[in-house]
Amino acid sequence: MNMKTIKYLGMLLAMLVLSVSFVSCSSDDDDEDGGGNSSSVVGTWWCVDECDEITAKFNANGTGTIVSVCTEDDETDKISFEWEQEGNEVWAWTEYEEEFEGRLSGNTLTVEDEDGYKLKFKRK
């Protein structure tokens, strides 16, 4: 697994973690973004960045997986992660000890890695 893929997967994880944070917000926060379950990071998220198609799955038990497929060479990488949420912020860390932060806004999860690289994910 190359570093670029790991970084992308980490970013995805961070975005997903950020999504979960909205789920734990009070009811007034739910009203601001449309309410309902759309604020939960739990579920599947999708992003296309440069040559990679990235899918992140956040499980309700605080674990998840990121799958990155490079469209140029069909190379696939899979990374496991754990996540936590507080408010509208999500934190995630991979099995490779990479950490990510994310922020959920409606059906968009923006994830940033420790180097400042950002990815935007959409709910799938």
Protein backbone atom coordinates (compact mmCIF):
# COMPACT_ATOMS: atom_id res chain seq x y z
CA MET A 1 0.00 0.00 0.00
CA ASN A 2 1.49 3.31 -1.03
CA MET A 3 1.56 6.41 1.18
CA LYS A 4 -0.81 8.32 -1.12
CA THR A 5 -3.46 5.66 -0.70
CA ILE A 6 -2.95 5.54 3.05
CA LYS A 7 -3.25 9.32 3.22
CA TYR A 8 -6.47 9.27 1.17
CA LEU A 9 -7.92 6.51 3.27
CA GLY A 10 -7.02 8.39 6.39
CA MET A 11 -8.72 11.49 5.08
CA LEU A 12 -11.80 9.49 4.33
CA LEU A 13 -11.80 8.09 7.80
CA ALA A 14 -11.49 11.53 9.29
CA MET A 15 -14.44 12.78 7.25
CA LEU A 16 -16.53 9.91 8.37
CA VAL A 17 -15.60 10.46 11.96
CA LEU A 18 -16.61 14.07 11.58
CA SER A 19 -19.99 12.97 10.25
CA VAL A 20 -20.61 10.94 13.38
CA SER A 21 -20.13 14.00 15.51
CA PHE A 22 -23.23 15.63 14.06
CA VAL A 23 -25.27 12.60 15.08
CA SER A 24 -24.51 13.22 18.72
CA CYS A 25 -25.53 16.88 18.54
CA SER A 26 -28.60 18.16 20.31
CA SER A 27 -31.94 18.45 18.52
CA ASP A 28 -31.35 22.11 17.65
CA ASP A 29 -28.29 21.07 15.60
CA ASP A 30 -30.39 18.48 13.79
CA ASP A 31 -32.88 21.16 12.82
CA GLU A 32 -30.15 23.34 11.35
CA ASP A 33 -28.99 20.73 8.86
CA GLY A 34 -32.39 19.30 8.00
CA GLY A 35 -32.76 16.87 10.89
CA GLY A 36 -33.17 13.13 10.64
CA ASN A 37 -30.44 10.53 10.32
CA SER A 38 -28.53 12.44 7.63
CA SER A 39 -26.31 13.85 10.41
CA SER A 40 -24.98 10.45 11.44
CA VAL A 41 -21.55 9.48 10.19
CA VAL A 42 -22.55 5.83 10.44
CA GLY A 43 -22.91 4.46 6.95
CA THR A 44 -21.05 4.54 3.64
CA TRP A 45 -19.30 7.61 2.19
CA TRP A 46 -17.77 8.14 -1.25
CA CYS A 47 -15.10 10.44 -2.71
CA VAL A 48 -13.23 10.78 -6.00
CA ASP A 49 -9.83 12.44 -5.71
CA GLU A 50 -7.29 12.56 -8.54
CA CYS A 51 -7.01 8.92 -9.64
CA ASP A 52 -8.64 7.34 -6.61
CA GLU A 53 -12.22 6.34 -5.87
CA ILE A 54 -12.52 6.09 -2.10
CA THR A 55 -15.30 4.44 -0.13
CA ALA A 56 -15.42 4.69 3.66
CA LYS A 57 -17.75 2.69 5.85
CA PHE A 58 -18.38 3.83 9.42
CA ASN A 59 -19.85 1.18 11.69
CA ALA A 60 -22.00 2.01 14.73
CA ASN A 61 -19.49 0.23 17.01
CA GLY A 62 -16.74 2.83 16.35
CA THR A 63 -14.85 0.86 13.70
CA GLY A 64 -14.70 1.18 9.95
CA THR A 65 -12.95 0.41 6.68
CA ILE A 66 -11.66 2.51 3.83
CA VAL A 67 -11.32 1.06 0.34
CA SER A 68 -9.36 3.01 -2.25
CA VAL A 69 -9.30 2.01 -5.92
CA CYS A 70 -6.83 3.73 -8.24
CA THR A 71 -8.59 4.14 -11.58
CA GLU A 72 -5.27 4.32 -13.46
CA ASP A 73 -4.06 0.85 -12.52
CA ASP A 74 -7.03 -0.76 -10.69
CA GLU A 75 -4.88 -1.16 -7.55
CA THR A 76 -7.09 -1.58 -4.48
CA ASP A 77 -6.12 -0.82 -0.88
CA LYS A 78 -8.16 -1.52 2.24
CA ILE A 79 -7.49 0.06 5.64
CA SER A 80 -9.24 -0.47 8.97
CA PHE A 81 -9.83 2.39 11.38
CA GLU A 82 -11.48 3.39 14.63
CA TRP A 83 -13.41 6.61 15.15
CA GLU A 84 -15.03 8.86 17.75
CA GLN A 85 -17.39 11.81 17.51
CA GLU A 86 -18.10 14.86 19.64
CA GLY A 87 -20.58 17.41 18.39
CA ASN A 88 -20.02 17.97 14.67
CA GLU A 89 -16.38 16.87 14.80
CA VAL A 90 -15.08 13.40 14.11
CA TRP A 91 -11.68 11.91 14.84
CA ALA A 92 -10.31 8.75 13.30
CA TRP A 93 -7.11 6.78 13.43
CA THR A 94 -5.95 3.96 11.18
CA GLU A 95 -4.21 0.71 11.91
CA TYR A 96 -1.06 2.52 10.63
CA GLU A 97 -1.37 5.13 13.43
CA GLU A 98 -2.41 7.93 11.06
CA GLU A 99 -4.87 10.43 12.56
CA PHE A 100 -7.57 12.45 10.83
CA GLU A 101 -10.07 15.10 11.78
CA GLY A 102 -13.38 15.69 10.07
CA ARG A 103 -16.42 17.94 10.07
CA LEU A 104 -19.91 16.94 9.01
CA SER A 105 -22.28 19.32 7.26
CA GLY A 106 -25.47 17.67 6.04
CA ASN A 107 -24.48 14.90 3.62
CA THR A 108 -20.91 16.19 3.19
CA LEU A 109 -17.99 15.04 5.30
CA THR A 110 -14.77 17.07 5.02
CA VAL A 111 -11.69 15.26 6.29
CA GLU A 112 -8.22 16.69 6.90
CA ASP A 113 -5.06 14.74 7.64
CA GLU A 114 -2.22 15.81 9.92
CA ASP A 115 -0.45 17.44 6.93
CA GLY A 116 -3.45 19.64 6.09
CA TYR A 117 -4.62 17.66 3.02
CA LYS A 118 -8.43 17.80 2.68
CA LEU A 119 -10.98 15.49 1.04
CA LYS A 120 -14.76 15.92 0.72
CA PHE A 121 -16.98 12.86 0.95
CA LYS A 122 -20.65 12.48 0.07
CA ARG A 123 -23.06 10.04 1.63
CA LYS A 124 -23.50 7.06 -0.65
